[in-house]
Amino acid sequence: MGRRSLPKIDPTVNFQPWIGDVEDLESPFCPQSLFPQTADLEIEVGSGKGLFLLSESGKNPQRNYLGNELARKYARYAAYRLAQSGRDNGRVLAGDGLRLFRELLPDSCAVAVHVYFPDPWWKDRHRQRRVMQPEFIRDIQRVLVPGGVFHFWTDVKQYFDETMALMQEHSSLDGPRTVEVQRAEHDMDYRTHFERRMRIQQKDVFRSQFQKPE
């Protein structure tokens, strides 16, 4: 299913302080340098239109939220939404999230990593484009602090099962742990826009979380 078109951005809103580009970063990189406050950091890979970043940064102002989105027009829109709401604890980086984890993020810098509904890349010749690969799994484990949590959700059962097998083979994170489905309190009370669409259509969502040993 293709992505839907984005709403228009108000040209009077300056969202530049909320967005950066992975290609412009240099190692060593300190993700806390993107935020006005130093705080526990959560990272989302594949932020889309930024619903998770917007919601969680509002619920937890004492934490910082860094989103990454490969598609730059979506990264810009997610940053625009954060700017509209004045969320100083939210930031977006456009570009290659695998490179961000592989080359730039330091060890033990995040209390949580989130990957929600990544592209399953159905064709065999495209499988190498999947975000959930052994190298990325090892980088997630490296980036998490002891006790940190990795969240992985998808609507594709085959992708979920294959990822669970990869997690068992290539990480020492504890899990998978059961994730209880929360009742939506309002129309946008979902982790992502994709989760909202799946649940409204009464389609299955496969959820898991893993924790790095203390």
N, C-alpha and C. Protein backbone atom coordinates (compact mmCIF):
# COMPACT_ATOMS: atom_id res chain seq x y z
N MET A 1 0.84 -1.19 0.00
CA MET A 1 0.00 0.00 0.00
C MET A 1 0.88 1.24 0.00
N GLY A 2 0.69 2.13 -0.96
CA GLY A 2 1.51 3.32 -1.07
C GLY A 2 1.19 4.35 -0.02
N ARG A 3 2.11 5.26 0.16
CA ARG A 3 1.90 6.33 1.12
C ARG A 3 0.91 7.36 0.57
N ARG A 4 0.12 7.92 1.47
CA ARG A 4 -0.83 8.94 1.06
C ARG A 4 -0.13 10.29 0.97
N SER A 5 -0.75 11.20 0.21
CA SER A 5 -0.16 12.52 0.04
C SER A 5 -0.16 13.27 1.37
N LEU A 6 0.78 14.18 1.51
CA LEU A 6 0.93 14.94 2.75
C LEU A 6 0.11 16.22 2.71
N PRO A 7 -0.39 16.66 3.86
CA PRO A 7 -1.01 17.99 3.91
C PRO A 7 0.03 19.07 3.62
N LYS A 8 -0.46 20.24 3.23
CA LYS A 8 0.45 21.33 2.92
C LYS A 8 1.09 21.88 4.19
N ILE A 9 2.33 22.33 4.03
CA ILE A 9 3.08 22.94 5.13
C ILE A 9 2.85 24.44 5.11
N ASP A 10 2.56 25.01 6.26
CA ASP A 10 2.38 26.45 6.38
C ASP A 10 3.75 27.12 6.21
N PRO A 11 3.93 27.92 5.18
CA PRO A 11 5.25 28.52 4.93
C PRO A 11 5.70 29.50 6.00
N THR A 12 4.79 29.92 6.88
CA THR A 12 5.18 30.86 7.94
C THR A 12 5.80 30.15 9.14
N VAL A 13 5.74 28.82 9.16
CA VAL A 13 6.30 28.05 10.28
C VAL A 13 7.75 27.69 9.95
N ASN A 14 8.68 28.18 10.77
CA ASN A 14 10.10 27.86 10.59
C ASN A 14 10.43 26.59 11.36
N PHE A 15 10.55 25.48 10.63
CA PHE A 15 10.83 24.20 11.29
C PHE A 15 12.28 23.77 11.11
N GLN A 16 13.13 24.64 10.57
CA GLN A 16 14.52 24.26 10.32
C GLN A 16 15.27 23.83 11.59
N PRO A 17 15.03 24.46 12.76
CA PRO A 17 15.73 23.98 13.95
C PRO A 17 15.35 22.56 14.36
N TRP A 18 14.25 22.05 13.82
CA TRP A 18 13.78 20.72 14.20
C TRP A 18 14.26 19.61 13.27
N ILE A 19 14.96 19.96 12.19
CA ILE A 19 15.34 18.93 11.22
C ILE A 19 16.82 19.04 10.86
N GLY A 20 17.42 17.87 10.65
CA GLY A 20 18.79 17.79 10.18
C GLY A 20 18.89 16.68 9.16
N ASP A 21 20.10 16.40 8.71
CA ASP A 21 20.32 15.37 7.70
C ASP A 21 21.47 14.47 8.13
N VAL A 22 21.25 13.17 8.04
CA VAL A 22 22.29 12.21 8.42
C VAL A 22 23.59 12.49 7.67
N GLU A 23 23.48 12.90 6.41
CA GLU A 23 24.67 13.13 5.59
C GLU A 23 25.51 14.30 6.09
N ASP A 24 24.92 15.18 6.87
CA ASP A 24 25.65 16.35 7.37
C ASP A 24 26.34 16.09 8.71
N LEU A 25 26.11 14.94 9.31
CA LEU A 25 26.68 14.65 10.62
C LEU A 25 28.10 14.13 10.50
N GLU A 26 28.88 14.40 11.52
CA GLU A 26 30.26 13.90 11.55
C GLU A 26 30.47 13.10 12.83
N SER A 27 31.32 12.11 12.73
CA SER A 27 31.66 11.28 13.88
C SER A 27 32.90 11.86 14.58
N PRO A 28 32.92 11.92 15.91
CA PRO A 28 31.90 11.44 16.84
C PRO A 28 30.70 12.38 16.92
N PHE A 29 29.51 11.80 17.00
CA PHE A 29 28.27 12.56 17.03
C PHE A 29 27.59 12.36 18.37
N CYS A 30 27.17 13.45 18.99
CA CYS A 30 26.43 13.37 20.25
C CYS A 30 24.98 13.75 19.97
N PRO A 31 24.05 12.80 20.02
CA PRO A 31 22.65 13.13 19.71
C PRO A 31 22.05 14.16 20.66
N GLN A 32 22.56 14.24 21.88
CA GLN A 32 22.02 15.22 22.82
C GLN A 32 22.31 16.65 22.36
N SER A 33 23.28 16.81 21.46
CA SER A 33 23.60 18.15 20.97
C SER A 33 22.48 18.74 20.12
N LEU A 34 21.53 17.92 19.70
CA LEU A 34 20.41 18.40 18.90
C LEU A 34 19.31 19.05 19.74
N PHE A 35 19.37 18.87 21.05
CA PHE A 35 18.27 19.28 21.92
C PHE A 35 18.71 20.36 22.90
N PRO A 36 17.77 21.22 23.32
CA PRO A 36 18.09 22.22 24.34
C PRO A 36 18.39 21.60 25.70
N GLN A 37 17.76 20.45 25.99
CA GLN A 37 17.95 19.80 27.29
C GLN A 37 18.66 18.47 27.12
N THR A 38 19.44 18.09 28.13
CA THR A 38 20.02 16.76 28.19
C THR A 38 19.06 15.87 28.95
N ALA A 39 18.64 14.79 28.31
CA ALA A 39 17.63 13.92 28.92
C ALA A 39 17.73 12.54 28.30
N ASP A 40 17.03 11.57 28.92
CA ASP A 40 16.97 10.24 28.33
C ASP A 40 16.45 10.34 26.90
N LEU A 41 17.07 9.56 26.01
CA LEU A 41 16.78 9.66 24.58
C LEU A 41 16.08 8.41 24.07
N GLU A 42 15.02 8.61 23.28
CA GLU A 42 14.38 7.54 22.54
C GLU A 42 14.53 7.83 21.05
N ILE A 43 14.78 6.78 20.26
CA ILE A 43 15.03 6.93 18.83
C ILE A 43 14.02 6.10 18.06
N GLU A 44 13.39 6.72 17.07
CA GLU A 44 12.49 6.00 16.17
C GLU A 44 13.09 5.97 14.77
N VAL A 45 13.14 4.79 14.18
CA VAL A 45 13.62 4.62 12.81
C VAL A 45 12.41 4.41 11.91
N GLY A 46 12.24 5.29 10.92
CA GLY A 46 11.08 5.22 10.04
C GLY A 46 9.92 5.99 10.62
N SER A 47 10.11 7.29 10.83
CA SER A 47 9.12 8.09 11.57
C SER A 47 7.90 8.49 10.73
N GLY A 48 7.99 8.36 9.41
CA GLY A 48 6.84 8.71 8.59
C GLY A 48 6.41 10.15 8.82
N LYS A 49 5.12 10.34 9.06
CA LYS A 49 4.57 11.68 9.27
C LYS A 49 4.74 12.17 10.71
N GLY A 50 5.34 11.35 11.56
CA GLY A 50 5.76 11.83 12.87
C GLY A 50 4.74 11.76 13.98
N LEU A 51 3.72 10.89 13.86
CA LEU A 51 2.71 10.82 14.91
C LEU A 51 3.31 10.35 16.23
N PHE A 52 4.17 9.34 16.18
CA PHE A 52 4.79 8.84 17.41
C PHE A 52 5.62 9.93 18.08
N LEU A 53 6.45 10.62 17.32
CA LEU A 53 7.29 11.68 17.88
C LEU A 53 6.43 12.78 18.50
N LEU A 54 5.40 13.18 17.80
CA LEU A 54 4.54 14.25 18.28
C LEU A 54 3.82 13.85 19.56
N SER A 55 3.26 12.65 19.58
CA SER A 55 2.50 12.20 20.74
C SER A 55 3.40 11.98 21.96
N GLU A 56 4.48 11.25 21.77
CA GLU A 56 5.32 10.89 22.91
C GLU A 56 6.08 12.08 23.46
N SER A 57 6.50 13.00 22.60
CA SER A 57 7.21 14.18 23.11
C SER A 57 6.28 15.06 23.94
N GLY A 58 4.99 15.02 23.62
CA GLY A 58 4.03 15.76 24.43
C GLY A 58 3.70 15.07 25.75
N LYS A 59 3.63 13.74 25.73
CA LYS A 59 3.32 12.98 26.95
C LYS A 59 4.50 12.99 27.93
N ASN A 60 5.73 13.02 27.40
CA ASN A 60 6.93 12.87 28.22
C ASN A 60 7.91 14.00 27.96
N PRO A 61 7.61 15.21 28.42
CA PRO A 61 8.51 16.34 28.16
C PRO A 61 9.87 16.20 28.81
N GLN A 62 10.01 15.27 29.75
CA GLN A 62 11.29 15.07 30.42
C GLN A 62 12.22 14.17 29.62
N ARG A 63 11.78 13.69 28.44
CA ARG A 63 12.61 12.86 27.58
C ARG A 63 12.81 13.53 26.24
N ASN A 64 13.88 13.14 25.54
CA ASN A 64 14.13 13.61 24.18
C ASN A 64 13.77 12.51 23.18
N TYR A 65 13.23 12.93 22.04
CA TYR A 65 12.80 11.99 21.00
C TYR A 65 13.44 12.36 19.67
N LEU A 66 14.21 11.42 19.12
CA LEU A 66 14.88 11.63 17.84
C LEU A 66 14.28 10.69 16.82
N GLY A 67 13.69 11.27 15.76
CA GLY A 67 13.14 10.46 14.69
C GLY A 67 14.04 10.45 13.48
N ASN A 68 14.02 9.36 12.75
CA ASN A 68 14.77 9.25 11.50
C ASN A 68 13.82 8.79 10.41
N GLU A 69 13.89 9.44 9.26
CA GLU A 69 13.03 9.08 8.13
C GLU A 69 13.83 9.21 6.84
N LEU A 70 13.85 8.14 6.06
CA LEU A 70 14.60 8.13 4.82
C LEU A 70 14.03 9.09 3.79
N ALA A 71 12.70 9.13 3.68
CA ALA A 71 12.04 10.01 2.71
C ALA A 71 12.05 11.44 3.24
N ARG A 72 12.77 12.30 2.58
CA ARG A 72 12.99 13.65 3.12
C ARG A 72 11.72 14.48 3.21
N LYS A 73 10.77 14.28 2.29
CA LYS A 73 9.54 15.07 2.38
C LYS A 73 8.74 14.68 3.62
N TYR A 74 8.81 13.43 4.01
CA TYR A 74 8.13 13.00 5.24
C TYR A 74 8.90 13.48 6.47
N ALA A 75 10.22 13.44 6.40
CA ALA A 75 11.02 13.96 7.52
C ALA A 75 10.72 15.44 7.74
N ARG A 76 10.61 16.20 6.66
CA ARG A 76 10.29 17.63 6.77
C ARG A 76 8.91 17.83 7.40
N TYR A 77 7.96 17.01 7.00
CA TYR A 77 6.61 17.16 7.56
C TYR A 77 6.58 16.80 9.03
N ALA A 78 7.30 15.76 9.43
CA ALA A 78 7.36 15.39 10.84
C ALA A 78 7.99 16.51 11.67
N ALA A 79 9.07 17.11 11.13
CA ALA A 79 9.71 18.22 11.83
C ALA A 79 8.78 19.43 11.90
N TYR A 80 8.05 19.67 10.85
CA TYR A 80 7.08 20.77 10.81
C TYR A 80 6.03 20.60 11.91
N ARG A 81 5.54 19.39 12.10
CA ARG A 81 4.53 19.15 13.13
C ARG A 81 5.10 19.40 14.54
N LEU A 82 6.34 18.99 14.75
CA LEU A 82 6.98 19.25 16.04
C LEU A 82 7.13 20.75 16.27
N ALA A 83 7.53 21.46 15.22
CA ALA A 83 7.71 22.91 15.33
C ALA A 83 6.38 23.60 15.60
N GLN A 84 5.33 23.18 14.92
CA GLN A 84 4.00 23.74 15.14
C GLN A 84 3.58 23.64 16.60
N SER A 85 3.94 22.53 17.22
CA SER A 85 3.54 22.28 18.61
C SER A 85 4.57 22.76 19.62
N GLY A 86 5.70 23.32 19.13
CA GLY A 86 6.72 23.83 20.03
C GLY A 86 7.39 22.76 20.86
N ARG A 87 7.56 21.57 20.29
CA ARG A 87 8.15 20.44 21.02
C ARG A 87 9.67 20.50 20.94
N ASP A 88 10.29 21.17 21.90
CA ASP A 88 11.75 21.29 21.90
C ASP A 88 12.44 19.97 22.20
N ASN A 89 11.69 18.98 22.67
CA ASN A 89 12.29 17.67 22.98
C ASN A 89 12.10 16.68 21.84
N GLY A 90 11.75 17.17 20.66
CA GLY A 90 11.63 16.32 19.48
C GLY A 90 12.47 16.85 18.33
N ARG A 91 13.16 15.98 17.62
CA ARG A 91 13.96 16.35 16.47
C ARG A 91 13.86 15.23 15.43
N VAL A 92 14.15 15.57 14.16
CA VAL A 92 14.08 14.61 13.06
C VAL A 92 15.37 14.70 12.25
N LEU A 93 15.90 13.54 11.88
CA LEU A 93 17.03 13.46 10.96
C LEU A 93 16.58 12.73 9.70
N ALA A 94 16.73 13.39 8.56
CA ALA A 94 16.42 12.78 7.27
C ALA A 94 17.62 11.97 6.79
N GLY A 95 17.33 10.86 6.08
CA GLY A 95 18.42 10.10 5.50
C GLY A 95 18.50 8.68 6.00
N ASP A 96 19.62 8.06 5.75
CA ASP A 96 19.83 6.63 5.97
C ASP A 96 19.96 6.30 7.46
N GLY A 97 18.93 5.66 8.01
CA GLY A 97 18.95 5.30 9.42
C GLY A 97 19.96 4.21 9.74
N LEU A 98 20.23 3.33 8.80
CA LEU A 98 21.21 2.28 9.04
C LEU A 98 22.60 2.88 9.19
N ARG A 99 22.90 3.88 8.38
CA ARG A 99 24.19 4.57 8.52
C ARG A 99 24.24 5.32 9.84
N LEU A 100 23.14 5.94 10.23
CA LEU A 100 23.08 6.65 11.50
C LEU A 100 23.48 5.73 12.64
N PHE A 101 22.94 4.53 12.66
CA PHE A 101 23.25 3.57 13.72
C PHE A 101 24.64 2.99 13.55
N ARG A 102 25.01 2.68 12.33
CA ARG A 102 26.29 1.98 12.08
C ARG A 102 27.50 2.87 12.35
N GLU A 103 27.42 4.15 11.94
CA GLU A 103 28.61 4.98 11.93
C GLU A 103 28.59 6.16 12.90
N LEU A 104 27.42 6.56 13.39
CA LEU A 104 27.35 7.84 14.07
C LEU A 104 26.88 7.79 15.52
N LEU A 105 25.90 6.96 15.82
CA LEU A 105 25.39 6.95 17.20
C LEU A 105 26.39 6.28 18.14
N PRO A 106 26.66 6.88 19.28
CA PRO A 106 27.61 6.28 20.23
C PRO A 106 26.98 5.12 21.00
N ASP A 107 27.83 4.37 21.67
CA ASP A 107 27.35 3.27 22.51
C ASP A 107 26.47 3.82 23.64
N SER A 108 25.47 3.03 24.00
CA SER A 108 24.66 3.28 25.21
C SER A 108 24.14 4.71 25.29
N CYS A 109 23.52 5.16 24.19
CA CYS A 109 23.03 6.54 24.16
C CYS A 109 21.51 6.64 24.21
N ALA A 110 20.78 5.51 24.13
CA ALA A 110 19.32 5.57 24.05
C ALA A 110 18.69 4.61 25.04
N VAL A 111 17.59 5.07 25.64
CA VAL A 111 16.84 4.20 26.55
C VAL A 111 15.82 3.37 25.79
N ALA A 112 15.53 3.75 24.54
CA ALA A 112 14.60 2.96 23.73
C ALA A 112 14.86 3.20 22.25
N VAL A 113 14.64 2.16 21.46
CA VAL A 113 14.67 2.24 19.99
C VAL A 113 13.34 1.68 19.49
N HIS A 114 12.74 2.40 18.55
CA HIS A 114 11.42 2.02 18.04
C HIS A 114 11.49 1.81 16.53
N VAL A 115 10.96 0.68 16.06
CA VAL A 115 10.79 0.44 14.63
C VAL A 115 9.36 -0.04 14.43
N TYR A 116 8.54 0.78 13.78
CA TYR A 116 7.13 0.47 13.59
C TYR A 116 6.79 0.37 12.10
N PHE A 117 6.26 -0.77 11.70
CA PHE A 117 5.73 -0.99 10.36
C PHE A 117 6.73 -0.67 9.25
N PRO A 118 7.93 -1.24 9.31
CA PRO A 118 8.89 -0.99 8.22
C PRO A 118 8.43 -1.67 6.93
N ASP A 119 8.92 -1.17 5.82
CA ASP A 119 8.59 -1.74 4.52
C ASP A 119 9.05 -3.20 4.48
N PRO A 120 8.16 -4.16 4.15
CA PRO A 120 8.57 -5.58 4.14
C PRO A 120 9.39 -5.98 2.93
N TRP A 121 9.44 -5.16 1.89
CA TRP A 121 10.21 -5.49 0.68
C TRP A 121 9.95 -6.94 0.27
N TRP A 122 8.79 -7.16 -0.30
CA TRP A 122 8.30 -8.52 -0.54
C TRP A 122 9.19 -9.34 -1.48
N LYS A 123 9.70 -8.74 -2.55
CA LYS A 123 10.42 -9.53 -3.54
C LYS A 123 11.77 -9.99 -2.99
N ASP A 124 12.15 -11.23 -3.34
CA ASP A 124 13.40 -11.80 -2.83
C ASP A 124 14.60 -10.93 -3.17
N ARG A 125 14.62 -10.34 -4.35
CA ARG A 125 15.78 -9.55 -4.76
C ARG A 125 15.86 -8.22 -4.01
N HIS A 126 14.79 -7.87 -3.28
CA HIS A 126 14.78 -6.62 -2.52
C HIS A 126 14.97 -6.84 -1.02
N ARG A 127 15.11 -8.09 -0.58
CA ARG A 127 15.16 -8.39 0.85
C ARG A 127 16.30 -7.65 1.56
N GLN A 128 17.39 -7.41 0.82
CA GLN A 128 18.53 -6.75 1.45
C GLN A 128 18.22 -5.31 1.82
N ARG A 129 17.11 -4.76 1.33
CA ARG A 129 16.72 -3.40 1.67
C ARG A 129 15.96 -3.31 2.99
N ARG A 130 15.58 -4.43 3.54
CA ARG A 130 14.86 -4.42 4.81
C ARG A 130 15.72 -3.78 5.91
N VAL A 131 15.05 -3.04 6.78
CA VAL A 131 15.79 -2.43 7.88
C VAL A 131 16.23 -3.47 8.90
N MET A 132 15.41 -4.51 9.10
CA MET A 132 15.74 -5.51 10.11
C MET A 132 16.70 -6.54 9.53
N GLN A 133 17.99 -6.22 9.63
CA GLN A 133 19.08 -7.07 9.18
C GLN A 133 20.00 -7.35 10.37
N PRO A 134 20.82 -8.40 10.31
CA PRO A 134 21.69 -8.72 11.45
C PRO A 134 22.56 -7.55 11.91
N GLU A 135 23.12 -6.80 10.97
CA GLU A 135 24.00 -5.69 11.36
C GLU A 135 23.24 -4.62 12.14
N PHE A 136 22.03 -4.31 11.70
CA PHE A 136 21.23 -3.31 12.38
C PHE A 136 20.81 -3.79 13.77
N ILE A 137 20.48 -5.05 13.88
CA ILE A 137 20.11 -5.61 15.18
C ILE A 137 21.27 -5.48 16.17
N ARG A 138 22.48 -5.77 15.71
CA ARG A 138 23.64 -5.62 16.59
C ARG A 138 23.87 -4.15 16.96
N ASP A 139 23.61 -3.24 16.04
CA ASP A 139 23.75 -1.82 16.35
C ASP A 139 22.69 -1.35 17.34
N ILE A 140 21.47 -1.86 17.23
CA ILE A 140 20.44 -1.53 18.22
C ILE A 140 20.92 -1.91 19.61
N GLN A 141 21.43 -3.11 19.73
CA GLN A 141 21.90 -3.58 21.04
C GLN A 141 23.03 -2.70 21.56
N ARG A 142 23.93 -2.29 20.69
CA ARG A 142 25.05 -1.43 21.10
C ARG A 142 24.57 -0.06 21.56
N VAL A 143 23.61 0.50 20.85
CA VAL A 143 23.14 1.85 21.12
C VAL A 143 22.29 1.93 22.40
N LEU A 144 21.61 0.85 22.75
CA LEU A 144 20.76 0.86 23.95
C LEU A 144 21.61 0.87 25.22
N VAL A 145 21.12 1.59 26.22
CA VAL A 145 21.72 1.53 27.55
C VAL A 145 21.31 0.21 28.19
N PRO A 146 22.04 -0.27 29.21
CA PRO A 146 21.56 -1.43 29.96
C PRO A 146 20.16 -1.16 30.51
N GLY A 147 19.26 -2.09 30.29
CA GLY A 147 17.87 -1.89 30.67
C GLY A 147 17.03 -1.23 29.60
N GLY A 148 17.66 -0.77 28.50
CA GLY A 148 16.94 -0.13 27.41
C GLY A 148 16.07 -1.11 26.64
N VAL A 149 15.07 -0.59 25.95
CA VAL A 149 14.06 -1.43 25.31
C VAL A 149 14.00 -1.17 23.81
N PHE A 150 13.87 -2.27 23.04
CA PHE A 150 13.66 -2.20 21.60
C PHE A 150 12.23 -2.63 21.31
N HIS A 151 11.50 -1.78 20.54
CA HIS A 151 10.11 -2.05 20.16
C HIS A 151 10.05 -2.32 18.66
N PHE A 152 9.43 -3.43 18.27
CA PHE A 152 9.26 -3.76 16.85
C PHE A 152 7.82 -4.19 16.61
N TRP A 153 7.14 -3.47 15.70
CA TRP A 153 5.76 -3.80 15.31
C TRP A 153 5.68 -3.89 13.80
N THR A 154 4.83 -4.79 13.32
CA THR A 154 4.58 -4.90 11.89
C THR A 154 3.19 -5.50 11.69
N ASP A 155 2.64 -5.29 10.50
CA ASP A 155 1.37 -5.92 10.15
C ASP A 155 1.59 -7.15 9.28
N VAL A 156 2.85 -7.53 9.06
CA VAL A 156 3.19 -8.65 8.19
C VAL A 156 3.70 -9.81 9.04
N LYS A 157 2.90 -10.87 9.16
CA LYS A 157 3.25 -12.00 10.02
C LYS A 157 4.57 -12.64 9.61
N GLN A 158 4.80 -12.81 8.32
CA GLN A 158 6.05 -13.43 7.86
C GLN A 158 7.25 -12.58 8.26
N TYR A 159 7.14 -11.27 8.10
CA TYR A 159 8.24 -10.38 8.48
C TYR A 159 8.46 -10.44 9.99
N PHE A 160 7.37 -10.48 10.74
CA PHE A 160 7.49 -10.57 12.20
C PHE A 160 8.22 -11.85 12.60
N ASP A 161 7.82 -12.98 12.05
CA ASP A 161 8.44 -14.26 12.41
C ASP A 161 9.92 -14.28 12.02
N GLU A 162 10.23 -13.77 10.84
CA GLU A 162 11.62 -13.75 10.41
C GLU A 162 12.46 -12.82 11.28
N THR A 163 11.88 -11.71 11.71
CA THR A 163 12.61 -10.78 12.58
C THR A 163 12.82 -11.40 13.95
N MET A 164 11.82 -12.11 14.47
CA MET A 164 12.00 -12.76 15.77
C MET A 164 13.14 -13.78 15.70
N ALA A 165 13.24 -14.49 14.58
CA ALA A 165 14.34 -15.45 14.42
C ALA A 165 15.68 -14.74 14.36
N LEU A 166 15.74 -13.62 13.65
CA LEU A 166 16.98 -12.84 13.58
C LEU A 166 17.38 -12.31 14.95
N MET A 167 16.39 -11.87 15.72
CA MET A 167 16.69 -11.35 17.06
C MET A 167 17.29 -12.44 17.95
N GLN A 168 16.76 -13.62 17.85
CA GLN A 168 17.27 -14.71 18.67
C GLN A 168 18.70 -15.08 18.27
N GLU A 169 19.00 -14.98 16.97
CA GLU A 169 20.31 -15.39 16.48
C GLU A 169 21.38 -14.33 16.65
N HIS A 170 21.00 -13.05 16.54
CA HIS A 170 22.01 -11.99 16.44
C HIS A 170 21.99 -10.99 17.60
N SER A 171 21.21 -11.23 18.63
CA SER A 171 21.24 -10.34 19.78
C SER A 171 21.12 -11.14 21.07
N SER A 172 21.51 -10.50 22.16
CA SER A 172 21.32 -11.11 23.48
C SER A 172 20.27 -10.35 24.27
N LEU A 173 19.42 -9.59 23.58
CA LEU A 173 18.34 -8.88 24.24
C LEU A 173 17.31 -9.88 24.74
N ASP A 174 16.72 -9.58 25.88
CA ASP A 174 15.70 -10.45 26.46
C ASP A 174 14.37 -10.23 25.75
N GLY A 175 13.76 -11.31 25.28
CA GLY A 175 12.48 -11.19 24.61
C GLY A 175 12.32 -12.30 23.58
N PRO A 176 11.23 -12.25 22.82
CA PRO A 176 10.26 -11.15 22.78
C PRO A 176 9.30 -11.18 23.96
N ARG A 177 8.93 -9.99 24.43
CA ARG A 177 7.96 -9.84 25.48
C ARG A 177 6.62 -9.43 24.89
N THR A 178 5.56 -9.89 25.52
CA THR A 178 4.22 -9.58 25.04
C THR A 178 3.92 -8.09 25.22
N VAL A 179 3.30 -7.51 24.22
CA VAL A 179 2.88 -6.12 24.28
C VAL A 179 1.36 -6.09 24.27
N GLU A 180 0.77 -5.58 25.32
CA GLU A 180 -0.68 -5.52 25.39
C GLU A 180 -1.22 -4.39 24.53
N VAL A 181 -2.32 -4.65 23.87
CA VAL A 181 -2.95 -3.64 23.02
C VAL A 181 -3.72 -2.66 23.90
N GLN A 182 -3.42 -1.39 23.73
CA GLN A 182 -4.10 -0.36 24.50
C GLN A 182 -5.32 0.15 23.74
N ARG A 183 -6.38 0.38 24.45
CA ARG A 183 -7.59 0.94 23.84
C ARG A 183 -7.33 2.40 23.45
N ALA A 184 -7.69 2.76 22.24
CA ALA A 184 -7.50 4.14 21.78
C ALA A 184 -8.49 5.06 22.49
N GLU A 185 -7.97 6.11 23.13
CA GLU A 185 -8.82 7.04 23.86
C GLU A 185 -9.43 8.11 22.95
N HIS A 186 -8.82 8.33 21.79
CA HIS A 186 -9.35 9.29 20.83
C HIS A 186 -8.89 8.89 19.44
N ASP A 187 -9.28 9.63 18.43
CA ASP A 187 -9.08 9.23 17.04
C ASP A 187 -7.61 9.12 16.64
N MET A 188 -6.72 9.84 17.32
CA MET A 188 -5.31 9.79 16.96
C MET A 188 -4.46 9.16 18.06
N ASP A 189 -5.08 8.38 18.92
CA ASP A 189 -4.37 7.75 20.02
C ASP A 189 -3.78 6.41 19.58
N TYR A 190 -2.82 6.49 18.67
CA TYR A 190 -2.14 5.31 18.14
C TYR A 190 -0.65 5.62 18.04
N ARG A 191 0.18 4.58 18.01
CA ARG A 191 1.62 4.81 17.91
C ARG A 191 1.98 5.51 16.60
N THR A 192 1.39 5.06 15.51
CA THR A 192 1.69 5.64 14.20
C THR A 192 0.40 5.73 13.39
N HIS A 193 0.46 6.50 12.30
CA HIS A 193 -0.68 6.56 11.39
C HIS A 193 -0.98 5.20 10.79
N PHE A 194 0.06 4.39 10.58
CA PHE A 194 -0.15 3.07 9.99
C PHE A 194 -0.88 2.17 10.97
N GLU A 195 -0.52 2.23 12.26
CA GLU A 195 -1.25 1.43 13.25
C GLU A 195 -2.72 1.85 13.27
N ARG A 196 -2.96 3.16 13.23
CA ARG A 196 -4.35 3.65 13.21
C ARG A 196 -5.12 3.03 12.06
N ARG A 197 -4.53 3.05 10.85
CA ARG A 197 -5.20 2.50 9.68
C ARG A 197 -5.48 1.01 9.84
N MET A 198 -4.49 0.26 10.32
CA MET A 198 -4.67 -1.18 10.48
C MET A 198 -5.76 -1.51 11.49
N ARG A 199 -5.77 -0.80 12.61
CA ARG A 199 -6.75 -1.11 13.64
C ARG A 199 -8.16 -0.69 13.25
N ILE A 200 -8.29 0.44 12.56
CA ILE A 200 -9.61 0.85 12.08
C ILE A 200 -10.16 -0.17 11.09
N GLN A 201 -9.25 -0.74 10.28
CA GLN A 201 -9.65 -1.76 9.30
C GLN A 201 -9.72 -3.15 9.92
N GLN A 202 -9.48 -3.23 11.24
CA GLN A 202 -9.53 -4.48 12.00
C GLN A 202 -8.57 -5.54 11.43
N LYS A 203 -7.38 -5.07 11.08
CA LYS A 203 -6.33 -5.97 10.59
C LYS A 203 -5.33 -6.24 11.71
N ASP A 204 -4.64 -7.34 11.62
CA ASP A 204 -3.72 -7.75 12.67
C ASP A 204 -2.48 -6.87 12.71
N VAL A 205 -2.02 -6.62 13.94
CA VAL A 205 -0.73 -5.97 14.16
C VAL A 205 0.07 -6.87 15.09
N PHE A 206 1.30 -7.17 14.71
CA PHE A 206 2.16 -8.06 15.48
C PHE A 206 3.18 -7.22 16.22
N ARG A 207 3.18 -7.31 17.55
CA ARG A 207 3.97 -6.43 18.39
C ARG A 207 4.98 -7.23 19.22
N SER A 208 6.14 -6.65 19.44
CA SER A 208 7.12 -7.28 20.33
C SER A 208 7.98 -6.20 20.97
N GLN A 209 8.59 -6.54 22.08
CA GLN A 209 9.60 -5.68 22.67
C GLN A 209 10.67 -6.55 23.31
N PHE A 210 11.88 -6.01 23.31
CA PHE A 210 13.06 -6.70 23.85
C PHE A 210 13.78 -5.74 24.79
N GLN A 211 14.42 -6.29 25.81
CA GLN A 211 15.14 -5.45 26.77
C GLN A 211 16.60 -5.87 26.87
N LYS A 212 17.48 -4.88 26.90
CA LYS A 212 18.91 -5.15 27.07
C LYS A 212 19.17 -5.48 28.54
N PRO A 213 19.87 -6.55 28.82
CA PRO A 213 20.13 -6.92 30.22
C PRO A 213 20.85 -5.80 30.98
N GLU A 214 20.51 -5.67 32.26
CA GLU A 214 21.14 -4.66 33.10
C GLU A 214 22.62 -4.99 33.28
